[in-house]
Amino acid sequence: MPRVAIPTVAASRSGAALTRTTGDPVNNHYIDGNDGRLGVIVKNGGSTVARTVTFRLTRTVDGFAVAPRTETLAAGEEQFFGPFGPAEYGGRLLVDVDNAELTLVPVRI
């Protein structure tokens, strides 16, 4: 299945509207243009269950894939993750979610 693209919001001193993308646990997501100045706001909109977001690494060590960075958000919790170094995460950041209760907002700083 092809991953779903998420548009990036550019941070601004005058403010920037945040557009949340509902997580797609079947197809998952990608964010183009990771230059090391990218962060992702992740919110668990659920009220009872913790949910997991995973940031995939593109880097390998001796030809072996490196374990992805996986974080768990409690019900109702919101966190900001990043920045993501392009040498480790690639120019296209791959993001997986375990449930549609997670929403994503990529922010370029």
PDB file of N, CA and C in Angstrom:
ATOM      1  N   MET A   1       0.833  -1.187   0.000  1.00  0.00           N
ATOM      2  CA  MET A   1       0.000   0.000   0.000  1.00  0.00           C
ATOM      3  C   MET A   1       0.877   1.249   0.000  1.00  0.00           C
ATOM      4  N   PRO A   2       0.486   2.248  -0.753  1.00  0.00           N
ATOM      5  CA  PRO A   2       1.254   3.496  -0.749  1.00  0.00           C
ATOM      6  C   PRO A   2       0.970   4.295   0.519  1.00  0.00           C
ATOM      7  N   ARG A   3       2.008   4.931   1.033  1.00  0.00           N
ATOM      8  CA  ARG A   3       1.841   5.789   2.204  1.00  0.00           C
ATOM      9  C   ARG A   3       1.113   7.075   1.813  1.00  0.00           C
ATOM     10  N   VAL A   4       0.497   7.712   2.796  1.00  0.00           N
ATOM     11  CA  VAL A   4      -0.268   8.934   2.589  1.00  0.00           C
ATOM     12  C   VAL A   4       0.614  10.136   2.938  1.00  0.00           C
ATOM     13  N   ALA A   5       0.694  11.104   2.023  1.00  0.00           N
ATOM     14  CA  ALA A   5       1.487  12.314   2.249  1.00  0.00           C
ATOM     15  C   ALA A   5       0.790  13.229   3.250  1.00  0.00           C
ATOM     16  N   ILE A   6       1.606  13.911   4.061  1.00  0.00           N
ATOM     17  CA  ILE A   6       1.080  14.899   5.000  1.00  0.00           C
ATOM     18  C   ILE A   6       1.725  16.239   4.666  1.00  0.00           C
ATOM     19  N   PRO A   7       0.915  17.294   4.480  1.00  0.00           N
ATOM     20  CA  PRO A   7       1.490  18.612   4.208  1.00  0.00           C
ATOM     21  C   PRO A   7       2.148  19.189   5.459  1.00  0.00           C
ATOM     22  N   THR A   8       3.201  19.977   5.256  1.00  0.00           N
ATOM     23  CA  THR A   8       3.964  20.574   6.345  1.00  0.00           C
ATOM     24  C   THR A   8       3.546  22.022   6.567  1.00  0.00           C
ATOM     25  N   VAL A   9       3.470  22.415   7.827  1.00  0.00           N
ATOM     26  CA  VAL A   9       3.189  23.790   8.214  1.00  0.00           C
ATOM     27  C   VAL A   9       4.524  24.480   8.484  1.00  0.00           C
ATOM     28  N   ALA A  10       4.700  25.688   7.970  1.00  0.00           N
ATOM     29  CA  ALA A  10       5.918  26.453   8.244  1.00  0.00           C
ATOM     30  C   ALA A  10       5.701  27.312   9.479  1.00  0.00           C
ATOM     31  N   ALA A  11       6.572  27.158  10.486  1.00  0.00           N
ATOM     32  CA  ALA A  11       6.483  27.976  11.696  1.00  0.00           C
ATOM     33  C   ALA A  11       6.698  29.439  11.322  1.00  0.00           C
ATOM     34  N   SER A  12       6.018  30.320  12.040  1.00  0.00           N
ATOM     35  CA  SER A  12       6.113  31.746  11.754  1.00  0.00           C
ATOM     36  C   SER A  12       5.959  32.525  13.053  1.00  0.00           C
ATOM     37  N   ARG A  13       6.713  33.602  13.205  1.00  0.00           N
ATOM     38  CA  ARG A  13       6.580  34.439  14.394  1.00  0.00           C
ATOM     39  C   ARG A  13       5.209  35.101  14.454  1.00  0.00           C
ATOM     40  N   SER A  14       4.552  35.242  13.315  1.00  0.00           N
ATOM     41  CA  SER A  14       3.216  35.841  13.310  1.00  0.00           C
ATOM     42  C   SER A  14       2.121  34.786  13.452  1.00  0.00           C
ATOM     43  N   GLY A  15       2.522  33.524  13.596  1.00  0.00           N
ATOM     44  CA  GLY A  15       1.545  32.450  13.807  1.00  0.00           C
ATOM     45  C   GLY A  15       1.299  31.666  12.528  1.00  0.00           C
ATOM     46  N   ALA A  16       0.970  30.419  12.702  1.00  0.00           N
ATOM     47  CA  ALA A  16       0.664  29.547  11.563  1.00  0.00           C
ATOM     48  C   ALA A  16      -0.491  28.631  11.965  1.00  0.00           C
ATOM     49  N   ALA A  17      -1.485  28.534  11.110  1.00  0.00           N
ATOM     50  CA  ALA A  17      -2.620  27.654  11.388  1.00  0.00           C
ATOM     51  C   ALA A  17      -2.170  26.202  11.316  1.00  0.00           C
ATOM     52  N   LEU A  18      -2.580  25.402  12.283  1.00  0.00           N
ATOM     53  CA  LEU A  18      -2.227  23.985  12.314  1.00  0.00           C
ATOM     54  C   LEU A  18      -3.348  23.165  11.691  1.00  0.00           C
ATOM     55  N   THR A  19      -2.986  22.368  10.705  1.00  0.00           N
ATOM     56  CA  THR A  19      -3.937  21.472  10.066  1.00  0.00           C
ATOM     57  C   THR A  19      -3.584  20.054  10.472  1.00  0.00           C
ATOM     58  N   ARG A  20      -4.474  19.418  11.220  1.00  0.00           N
ATOM     59  CA  ARG A  20      -4.231  18.060  11.714  1.00  0.00           C
ATOM     60  C   ARG A  20      -4.618  17.034  10.653  1.00  0.00           C
ATOM     61  N   THR A  21      -3.776  16.035  10.495  1.00  0.00           N
ATOM     62  CA  THR A  21      -4.061  14.908   9.612  1.00  0.00           C
ATOM     63  C   THR A  21      -4.389  13.707  10.483  1.00  0.00           C
ATOM     64  N   THR A  22      -5.521  13.089  10.228  1.00  0.00           N
ATOM     65  CA  THR A  22      -5.906  11.894  10.977  1.00  0.00           C
ATOM     66  C   THR A  22      -4.997  10.747  10.582  1.00  0.00           C
ATOM     67  N   GLY A  23      -4.479  10.049  11.585  1.00  0.00           N
ATOM     68  CA  GLY A  23      -3.582   8.935  11.332  1.00  0.00           C
ATOM     69  C   GLY A  23      -4.256   7.820  10.556  1.00  0.00           C
ATOM     70  N   ASP A  24      -3.509   7.218   9.652  1.00  0.00           N
ATOM     71  CA  ASP A  24      -3.993   6.103   8.839  1.00  0.00           C
ATOM     72  C   ASP A  24      -3.159   4.864   9.198  1.00  0.00           C
ATOM     73  N   PRO A  25      -3.690   4.004  10.096  1.00  0.00           N
ATOM     74  CA  PRO A  25      -2.905   2.847  10.541  1.00  0.00           C
ATOM     75  C   PRO A  25      -2.751   1.752   9.488  1.00  0.00           C
ATOM     76  N   VAL A  26      -3.473   1.841   8.387  1.00  0.00           N
ATOM     77  CA  VAL A  26      -3.363   0.843   7.325  1.00  0.00           C
ATOM     78  C   VAL A  26      -2.259   1.224   6.340  1.00  0.00           C
ATOM     79  N   ASN A  27      -2.292   2.453   5.845  1.00  0.00           N
ATOM     80  CA  ASN A  27      -1.332   2.913   4.839  1.00  0.00           C
ATOM     81  C   ASN A  27      -0.145   3.654   5.435  1.00  0.00           C
ATOM     82  N   ASN A  28      -0.329   4.248   6.614  1.00  0.00           N
ATOM     83  CA  ASN A  28       0.681   5.062   7.277  1.00  0.00           C
ATOM     84  C   ASN A  28       1.021   6.306   6.462  1.00  0.00           C
ATOM     85  N   HIS A  29       2.110   7.018   6.798  1.00  0.00           N
ATOM     86  CA  HIS A  29       2.334   8.354   6.248  1.00  0.00           C
ATOM     87  C   HIS A  29       3.789   8.603   5.873  1.00  0.00           C
ATOM     88  N   TYR A  30       3.965   9.674   5.088  1.00  0.00           N
ATOM     89  CA  TYR A  30       5.298  10.212   4.839  1.00  0.00           C
ATOM     90  C   TYR A  30       5.221  11.723   4.796  1.00  0.00           C
ATOM     91  N   ILE A  31       6.358  12.354   5.128  1.00  0.00           N
ATOM     92  CA  ILE A  31       6.470  13.808   5.097  1.00  0.00           C
ATOM     93  C   ILE A  31       7.709  14.124   4.277  1.00  0.00           C
ATOM     94  N   ASP A  32       7.507  14.786   3.150  1.00  0.00           N
ATOM     95  CA  ASP A  32       8.626  15.136   2.271  1.00  0.00           C
ATOM     96  C   ASP A  32       9.378  16.350   2.797  1.00  0.00           C
ATOM     97  N   GLY A  33      10.631  16.463   2.384  1.00  0.00           N
ATOM     98  CA  GLY A  33      11.427  17.645   2.669  1.00  0.00           C
ATOM     99  C   GLY A  33      12.055  17.668   4.051  1.00  0.00           C
ATOM    100  N   ASN A  34      12.334  16.492   4.623  1.00  0.00           N
ATOM    101  CA  ASN A  34      13.007  16.487   5.917  1.00  0.00           C
ATOM    102  C   ASN A  34      14.450  16.956   5.745  1.00  0.00           C
ATOM    103  N   ASP A  35      14.732  18.130   6.274  1.00  0.00           N
ATOM    104  CA  ASP A  35      16.079  18.714   6.163  1.00  0.00           C
ATOM    105  C   ASP A  35      16.727  18.893   7.531  1.00  0.00           C
ATOM    106  N   GLY A  36      16.170  18.249   8.548  1.00  0.00           N
ATOM    107  CA  GLY A  36      16.683  18.389   9.901  1.00  0.00           C
ATOM    108  C   GLY A  36      16.008  19.498  10.688  1.00  0.00           C
ATOM    109  N   ARG A  37      15.093  20.219  10.037  1.00  0.00           N
ATOM    110  CA  ARG A  37      14.355  21.301  10.700  1.00  0.00           C
ATOM    111  C   ARG A  37      12.877  20.966  10.767  1.00  0.00           C
ATOM    112  N   LEU A  38      12.576  19.680  10.802  1.00  0.00           N
ATOM    113  CA  LEU A  38      11.195  19.205  10.800  1.00  0.00           C
ATOM    114  C   LEU A  38      10.860  18.600  12.156  1.00  0.00           C
ATOM    115  N   GLY A  39       9.699  18.943  12.670  1.00  0.00           N
ATOM    116  CA  GLY A  39       9.160  18.341  13.878  1.00  0.00           C
ATOM    117  C   GLY A  39       7.729  17.917  13.610  1.00  0.00           C
ATOM    118  N   VAL A  40       7.193  17.053  14.450  1.00  0.00           N
ATOM    119  CA  VAL A  40       5.824  16.570  14.256  1.00  0.00           C
ATOM    120  C   VAL A  40       5.079  16.653  15.580  1.00  0.00           C
ATOM    121  N   ILE A  41       3.939  17.357  15.567  1.00  0.00           N
ATOM    122  CA  ILE A  41       3.048  17.387  16.718  1.00  0.00           C
ATOM    123  C   ILE A  41       2.118  16.182  16.571  1.00  0.00           C
ATOM    124  N   VAL A  42       2.081  15.346  17.599  1.00  0.00           N
ATOM    125  CA  VAL A  42       1.235  14.155  17.583  1.00  0.00           C
ATOM    126  C   VAL A  42       0.277  14.249  18.766  1.00  0.00           C
ATOM    127  N   LYS A  43      -0.998  14.045  18.494  1.00  0.00           N
ATOM    128  CA  LYS A  43      -2.007  14.087  19.552  1.00  0.00           C
ATOM    129  C   LYS A  43      -2.801  12.790  19.564  1.00  0.00           C
ATOM    130  N   ASN A  44      -2.968  12.229  20.744  1.00  0.00           N
ATOM    131  CA  ASN A  44      -3.842  11.079  20.933  1.00  0.00           C
ATOM    132  C   ASN A  44      -5.201  11.638  21.338  1.00  0.00           C
ATOM    133  N   GLY A  45      -6.137  11.650  20.402  1.00  0.00           N
ATOM    134  CA  GLY A  45      -7.463  12.194  20.648  1.00  0.00           C
ATOM    135  C   GLY A  45      -8.379  11.253  21.404  1.00  0.00           C
ATOM    136  N   GLY A  46      -7.915  10.045  21.681  1.00  0.00           N
ATOM    137  CA  GLY A  46      -8.714   9.082  22.423  1.00  0.00           C
ATOM    138  C   GLY A  46      -8.812   9.456  23.894  1.00  0.00           C
ATOM    139  N   SER A  47      -9.808   8.896  24.571  1.00  0.00           N
ATOM    140  CA  SER A  47     -10.022   9.240  25.977  1.00  0.00           C
ATOM    141  C   SER A  47      -9.697   8.107  26.943  1.00  0.00           C
ATOM    142  N   THR A  48      -9.326   6.929  26.413  1.00  0.00           N
ATOM    143  CA  THR A  48      -9.108   5.811  27.330  1.00  0.00           C
ATOM    144  C   THR A  48      -7.850   4.993  27.093  1.00  0.00           C
ATOM    145  N   VAL A  49      -7.322   4.947  25.873  1.00  0.00           N
ATOM    146  CA  VAL A  49      -6.244   4.018  25.541  1.00  0.00           C
ATOM    147  C   VAL A  49      -5.005   4.757  25.049  1.00  0.00           C
ATOM    148  N   ALA A  50      -3.826   4.322  25.497  1.00  0.00           N
ATOM    149  CA  ALA A  50      -2.567   4.858  24.986  1.00  0.00           C
ATOM    150  C   ALA A  50      -2.394   4.401  23.539  1.00  0.00           C
ATOM    151  N   ARG A  51      -1.757   5.232  22.722  1.00  0.00           N
ATOM    152  CA  ARG A  51      -1.523   4.934  21.308  1.00  0.00           C
ATOM    153  C   ARG A  51      -0.052   5.138  20.980  1.00  0.00           C
ATOM    154  N   THR A  52       0.399   4.505  19.886  1.00  0.00           N
ATOM    155  CA  THR A  52       1.817   4.501  19.534  1.00  0.00           C
ATOM    156  C   THR A  52       2.067   5.119  18.166  1.00  0.00           C
ATOM    157  N   VAL A  53       3.111   5.955  18.096  1.00  0.00           N
ATOM    158  CA  VAL A  53       3.591   6.518  16.835  1.00  0.00           C
ATOM    159  C   VAL A  53       5.018   6.018  16.632  1.00  0.00           C
ATOM    160  N   THR A  54       5.357   5.721  15.383  1.00  0.00           N
ATOM    161  CA  THR A  54       6.681   5.203  15.058  1.00  0.00           C
ATOM    162  C   THR A  54       7.293   6.040  13.949  1.00  0.00           C
ATOM    163  N   PHE A  55       8.553   6.452  14.162  1.00  0.00           N
ATOM    164  CA  PHE A  55       9.313   7.191  13.164  1.00  0.00           C
ATOM    165  C   PHE A  55      10.381   6.238  12.623  1.00  0.00           C
ATOM    166  N   ARG A  56      10.287   5.906  11.344  1.00  0.00           N
ATOM    167  CA  ARG A  56      11.180   4.914  10.725  1.00  0.00           C
ATOM    168  C   ARG A  56      12.521   5.533  10.353  1.00  0.00           C
ATOM    169  N   LEU A  57      13.582   4.804  10.604  1.00  0.00           N
ATOM    170  CA  LEU A  57      14.923   5.238  10.210  1.00  0.00           C
ATOM    171  C   LEU A  57      15.275   4.612   8.871  1.00  0.00           C
ATOM    172  N   THR A  58      15.989   5.368   8.038  1.00  0.00           N
ATOM    173  CA  THR A  58      16.421   4.838   6.743  1.00  0.00           C
ATOM    174  C   THR A  58      17.844   4.327   6.813  1.00  0.00           C
ATOM    175  N   ARG A  59      18.534   4.672   7.861  1.00  0.00           N
ATOM    176  CA  ARG A  59      19.939   4.302   8.041  1.00  0.00           C
ATOM    177  C   ARG A  59      20.078   2.816   8.359  1.00  0.00           C
ATOM    178  N   THR A  60      21.174   2.249   7.908  1.00  0.00           N
ATOM    179  CA  THR A  60      21.517   0.871   8.265  1.00  0.00           C
ATOM    180  C   THR A  60      22.904   0.857   8.898  1.00  0.00           C
ATOM    181  N   VAL A  61      23.167  -0.186   9.662  1.00  0.00           N
ATOM    182  CA  VAL A  61      24.481  -0.390  10.268  1.00  0.00           C
ATOM    183  C   VAL A  61      24.956  -1.768   9.826  1.00  0.00           C
ATOM    184  N   ASP A  62      26.070  -1.804   9.122  1.00  0.00           N
ATOM    185  CA  ASP A  62      26.605  -3.060   8.579  1.00  0.00           C
ATOM    186  C   ASP A  62      25.546  -3.811   7.762  1.00  0.00           C
ATOM    187  N   GLY A  63      24.717  -3.065   7.055  1.00  0.00           N
ATOM    188  CA  GLY A  63      23.693  -3.674   6.206  1.00  0.00           C
ATOM    189  C   GLY A  63      22.422  -4.072   6.917  1.00  0.00           C
ATOM    190  N   PHE A  64      22.356  -3.843   8.235  1.00  0.00           N
ATOM    191  CA  PHE A  64      21.167  -4.221   9.001  1.00  0.00           C
ATOM    192  C   PHE A  64      20.330  -2.979   9.306  1.00  0.00           C
ATOM    193  N   ALA A  65      19.020  -3.127   9.209  1.00  0.00           N
ATOM    194  CA  ALA A  65      18.111  -2.030   9.534  1.00  0.00           C
ATOM    195  C   ALA A  65      18.221  -1.685  11.012  1.00  0.00           C
ATOM    196  N   VAL A  66      18.125  -0.390  11.315  1.00  0.00           N
ATOM    197  CA  VAL A  66      18.151   0.089  12.693  1.00  0.00           C
ATOM    198  C   VAL A  66      16.706   0.142  13.186  1.00  0.00           C
ATOM    199  N   ALA A  67      16.496  -0.257  14.438  1.00  0.00           N
ATOM    200  CA  ALA A  67      15.143  -0.255  15.004  1.00  0.00           C
ATOM    201  C   ALA A  67      14.544   1.145  14.940  1.00  0.00           C
ATOM    202  N   PRO A  68      13.262   1.264  14.599  1.00  0.00           N
ATOM    203  CA  PRO A  68      12.627   2.575  14.515  1.00  0.00           C
ATOM    204  C   PRO A  68      12.432   3.196  15.900  1.00  0.00           C
ATOM    205  N   ARG A  69      12.213   4.497  15.911  1.00  0.00           N
ATOM    206  CA  ARG A  69      11.912   5.206  17.165  1.00  0.00           C
ATOM    207  C   ARG A  69      10.409   5.118  17.386  1.00  0.00           C
ATOM    208  N   THR A  70      10.019   4.481  18.476  1.00  0.00           N
ATOM    209  CA  THR A  70       8.605   4.291  18.799  1.00  0.00           C
ATOM    210  C   THR A  70       8.297   5.004  20.109  1.00  0.00           C
ATOM    211  N   GLU A  71       7.219   5.785  20.105  1.00  0.00           N
ATOM    212  CA  GLU A  71       6.808   6.534  21.289  1.00  0.00           C
ATOM    213  C   GLU A  71       5.332   6.280  21.566  1.00  0.00           C
ATOM    214  N   THR A  72       4.984   6.238  22.840  1.00  0.00           N
ATOM    215  CA  THR A  72       3.597   6.003  23.250  1.00  0.00           C
ATOM    216  C   THR A  72       3.037   7.269  23.882  1.00  0.00           C
ATOM    217  N   LEU A  73       1.824   7.619  23.479  1.00  0.00           N
ATOM    218  CA  LEU A  73       1.128   8.776  24.036  1.00  0.00           C
ATOM    219  C   LEU A  73      -0.083   8.291  24.822  1.00  0.00           C
ATOM    220  N   ALA A  74      -0.207   8.752  26.050  1.00  0.00           N
ATOM    221  CA  ALA A  74      -1.364   8.409  26.872  1.00  0.00           C
ATOM    222  C   ALA A  74      -2.620   9.016  26.262  1.00  0.00           C
ATOM    223  N   ALA A  75      -3.773   8.527  26.670  1.00  0.00           N
ATOM    224  CA  ALA A  75      -5.050   9.067  26.187  1.00  0.00           C
ATOM    225  C   ALA A  75      -5.102  10.572  26.431  1.00  0.00           C
ATOM    226  N   GLY A  76      -5.442  11.342  25.399  1.00  0.00           N
ATOM    227  CA  GLY A  76      -5.553  12.790  25.492  1.00  0.00           C
ATOM    228  C   GLY A  76      -4.233  13.541  25.440  1.00  0.00           C
ATOM    229  N   GLU A  77      -3.120  12.850  25.392  1.00  0.00           N
ATOM    230  CA  GLU A  77      -1.801  13.489  25.414  1.00  0.00           C
ATOM    231  C   GLU A  77      -1.396  14.024  24.042  1.00  0.00           C
ATOM    232  N   GLU A  78      -0.646  15.117  24.059  1.00  0.00           N
ATOM    233  CA  GLU A  78      -0.095  15.712  22.839  1.00  0.00           C
ATOM    234  C   GLU A  78       1.389  15.969  23.074  1.00  0.00           C
ATOM    235  N   GLN A  79       2.231  15.611  22.088  1.00  0.00           N
ATOM    236  CA  GLN A  79       3.671  15.820  22.200  1.00  0.00           C
ATOM    237  C   GLN A  79       4.226  16.340  20.882  1.00  0.00           C
ATOM    238  N   PHE A  80       5.368  17.028  20.988  1.00  0.00           N
ATOM    239  CA  PHE A  80       6.086  17.516  19.812  1.00  0.00           C
ATOM    240  C   PHE A  80       7.377  16.715  19.697  1.00  0.00           C
ATOM    241  N   PHE A  81       7.587  16.064  18.547  1.00  0.00           N
ATOM    242  CA  PHE A  81       8.762  15.233  18.308  1.00  0.00           C
ATOM    243  C   PHE A  81       9.637  15.877  17.233  1.00  0.00           C
ATOM    244  N   GLY A  82      10.950  15.724  17.372  1.00  0.00           N
ATOM    245  CA  GLY A  82      11.867  16.222  16.371  1.00  0.00           C
ATOM    246  C   GLY A  82      12.966  17.022  17.029  1.00  0.00           C
ATOM    247  N   PRO A  83      13.895  17.541  16.276  1.00  0.00           N
ATOM    248  CA  PRO A  83      14.019  17.392  14.831  1.00  0.00           C
ATOM    249  C   PRO A  83      14.525  16.001  14.451  1.00  0.00           C
ATOM    250  N   PHE A  84      14.400  15.685  13.180  1.00  0.00           N
ATOM    251  CA  PHE A  84      14.778  14.382  12.635  1.00  0.00           C
ATOM    252  C   PHE A  84      15.919  14.572  11.641  1.00  0.00           C
ATOM    253  N   GLY A  85      17.110  14.138  12.014  1.00  0.00           N
ATOM    254  CA  GLY A  85      18.280  14.278  11.148  1.00  0.00           C
ATOM    255  C   GLY A  85      18.093  13.504   9.855  1.00  0.00           C
ATOM    256  N   PRO A  86      18.299  14.139   8.713  1.00  0.00           N
ATOM    257  CA  PRO A  86      18.102  13.457   7.436  1.00  0.00           C
ATOM    258  C   PRO A  86      19.064  12.291   7.214  1.00  0.00           C
ATOM    259  N   ALA A  87      20.231  12.293   7.842  1.00  0.00           N
ATOM    260  CA  ALA A  87      21.173  11.177   7.681  1.00  0.00           C
ATOM    261  C   ALA A  87      20.606   9.896   8.298  1.00  0.00           C
ATOM    262  N   GLU A  88      19.796  10.044   9.337  1.00  0.00           N
ATOM    263  CA  GLU A  88      19.209   8.883   9.996  1.00  0.00           C
ATOM    264  C   GLU A  88      17.797   8.570   9.496  1.00  0.00           C
ATOM    265  N   TYR A  89      17.006   9.622   9.285  1.00  0.00           N
ATOM    266  CA  TYR A  89      15.593   9.431   8.957  1.00  0.00           C
ATOM    267  C   TYR A  89      15.278   9.627   7.480  1.00  0.00           C
ATOM    268  N   GLY A  90      16.210  10.154   6.721  1.00  0.00           N
ATOM    269  CA  GLY A  90      16.001  10.361   5.294  1.00  0.00           C
ATOM    270  C   GLY A  90      15.317  11.683   4.994  1.00  0.00           C
ATOM    271  N   GLY A  91      15.325  12.051   3.723  1.00  0.00           N
ATOM    272  CA  GLY A  91      14.664  13.270   3.265  1.00  0.00           C
ATOM    273  C   GLY A  91      13.154  13.129   3.229  1.00  0.00           C
ATOM    274  N   ARG A  92      12.679  11.906   3.265  1.00  0.00           N
ATOM    275  CA  ARG A  92      11.246  11.611   3.354  1.00  0.00           C
ATOM    276  C   ARG A  92      11.038  10.879   4.673  1.00  0.00           C
ATOM    277  N   LEU A  93      10.470  11.589   5.660  1.00  0.00           N
ATOM    278  CA  LEU A  93      10.248  11.016   6.982  1.00  0.00           C
ATOM    279  C   LEU A  93       9.050  10.063   6.925  1.00  0.00           C
ATOM    280  N   LEU A  94       9.274   8.819   7.331  1.00  0.00           N
ATOM    281  CA  LEU A  94       8.208   7.810   7.359  1.00  0.00           C
ATOM    282  C   LEU A  94       7.646   7.725   8.765  1.00  0.00           C
ATOM    283  N   VAL A  95       6.313   7.865   8.867  1.00  0.00           N
ATOM    284  CA  VAL A  95       5.632   7.873  10.158  1.00  0.00           C
ATOM    285  C   VAL A  95       4.516   6.833  10.144  1.00  0.00           C
ATOM    286  N   ASP A  96       4.525   5.956  11.156  1.00  0.00           N
ATOM    287  CA  ASP A  96       3.479   4.937  11.305  1.00  0.00           C
ATOM    288  C   ASP A  96       2.672   5.230  12.562  1.00  0.00           C
ATOM    289  N   VAL A  97       1.380   4.959  12.516  1.00  0.00           N
ATOM    290  CA  VAL A  97       0.509   5.107  13.684  1.00  0.00           C
ATOM    291  C   VAL A  97      -0.224   3.795  13.905  1.00  0.00           C
ATOM    292  N   ASP A  98      -0.565   3.514  15.151  1.00  0.00           N
ATOM    293  CA  ASP A  98      -1.270   2.266  15.427  1.00  0.00           C
ATOM    294  C   ASP A  98      -2.777   2.434  15.476  1.00  0.00           C
ATOM    295  N   ASN A  99      -3.271   3.709  15.364  1.00  0.00           N
ATOM    296  CA  ASN A  99      -4.704   3.932  15.442  1.00  0.00           C
ATOM    297  C   ASN A  99      -5.047   5.302  14.867  1.00  0.00           C
ATOM    298  N   ALA A 100      -6.267   5.430  14.329  1.00  0.00           N
ATOM    299  CA  ALA A 100      -6.726   6.699  13.752  1.00  0.00           C
ATOM    300  C   ALA A 100      -7.025   7.750  14.818  1.00  0.00           C
ATOM    301  N   GLU A 101      -6.955   7.397  16.105  1.00  0.00           N
ATOM    302  CA  GLU A 101      -7.121   8.404  17.157  1.00  0.00           C
ATOM    303  C   GLU A 101      -5.926   9.351  17.232  1.00  0.00           C
ATOM    304  N   LEU A 102      -4.812   8.977  16.586  1.00  0.00           N
ATOM    305  CA  LEU A 102      -3.646   9.860  16.542  1.00  0.00           C
ATOM    306  C   LEU A 102      -3.772  10.830  15.379  1.00  0.00           C
ATOM    307  N   THR A 103      -3.492  12.104  15.641  1.00  0.00           N
ATOM    308  CA  THR A 103      -3.441  13.104  14.577  1.00  0.00           C
ATOM    309  C   THR A 103      -2.028  13.645  14.505  1.00  0.00           C
ATOM    310  N   LEU A 104      -1.642  14.087  13.308  1.00  0.00           N
ATOM    311  CA  LEU A 104      -0.275  14.519  13.031  1.00  0.00           C
ATOM    312  C   LEU A 104      -0.260  15.904  12.416  1.00  0.00           C
ATOM    313  N   VAL A 105       0.684  16.734  12.876  1.00  0.00           N
ATOM    314  CA  VAL A 105       0.915  18.053  12.287  1.00  0.00           C
ATOM    315  C   VAL A 105       2.414  18.228  12.115  1.00  0.00           C
ATOM    316  N   PRO A 106       2.960  18.064  10.899  1.00  0.00           N
ATOM    317  CA  PRO A 106       4.372  18.323  10.665  1.00  0.00           C
ATOM    318  C   PRO A 106       4.624  19.832  10.646  1.00  0.00           C
ATOM    319  N   VAL A 107       5.677  20.251  11.353  1.00  0.00           N
ATOM    320  CA  VAL A 107       6.012  21.670  11.436  1.00  0.00           C
ATOM    321  C   VAL A 107       7.469  21.869  11.046  1.00  0.00           C
ATOM    322  N   ARG A 108       7.699  22.737  10.073  1.00  0.00           N
ATOM    323  CA  ARG A 108       9.063  23.091   9.673  1.00  0.00           C
ATOM    324  C   ARG A 108       9.457  24.325  10.466  1.00  0.00           C
ATOM    325  N   ILE A 109      10.591  24.215  11.149  1.00  0.00           N
ATOM    326  CA  ILE A 109      11.021  25.304  12.033  1.00  0.00           C
ATOM    327  C   ILE A 109      12.055  26.152  11.310  1.00  0.00           C
TER     328      ILE A 109
END
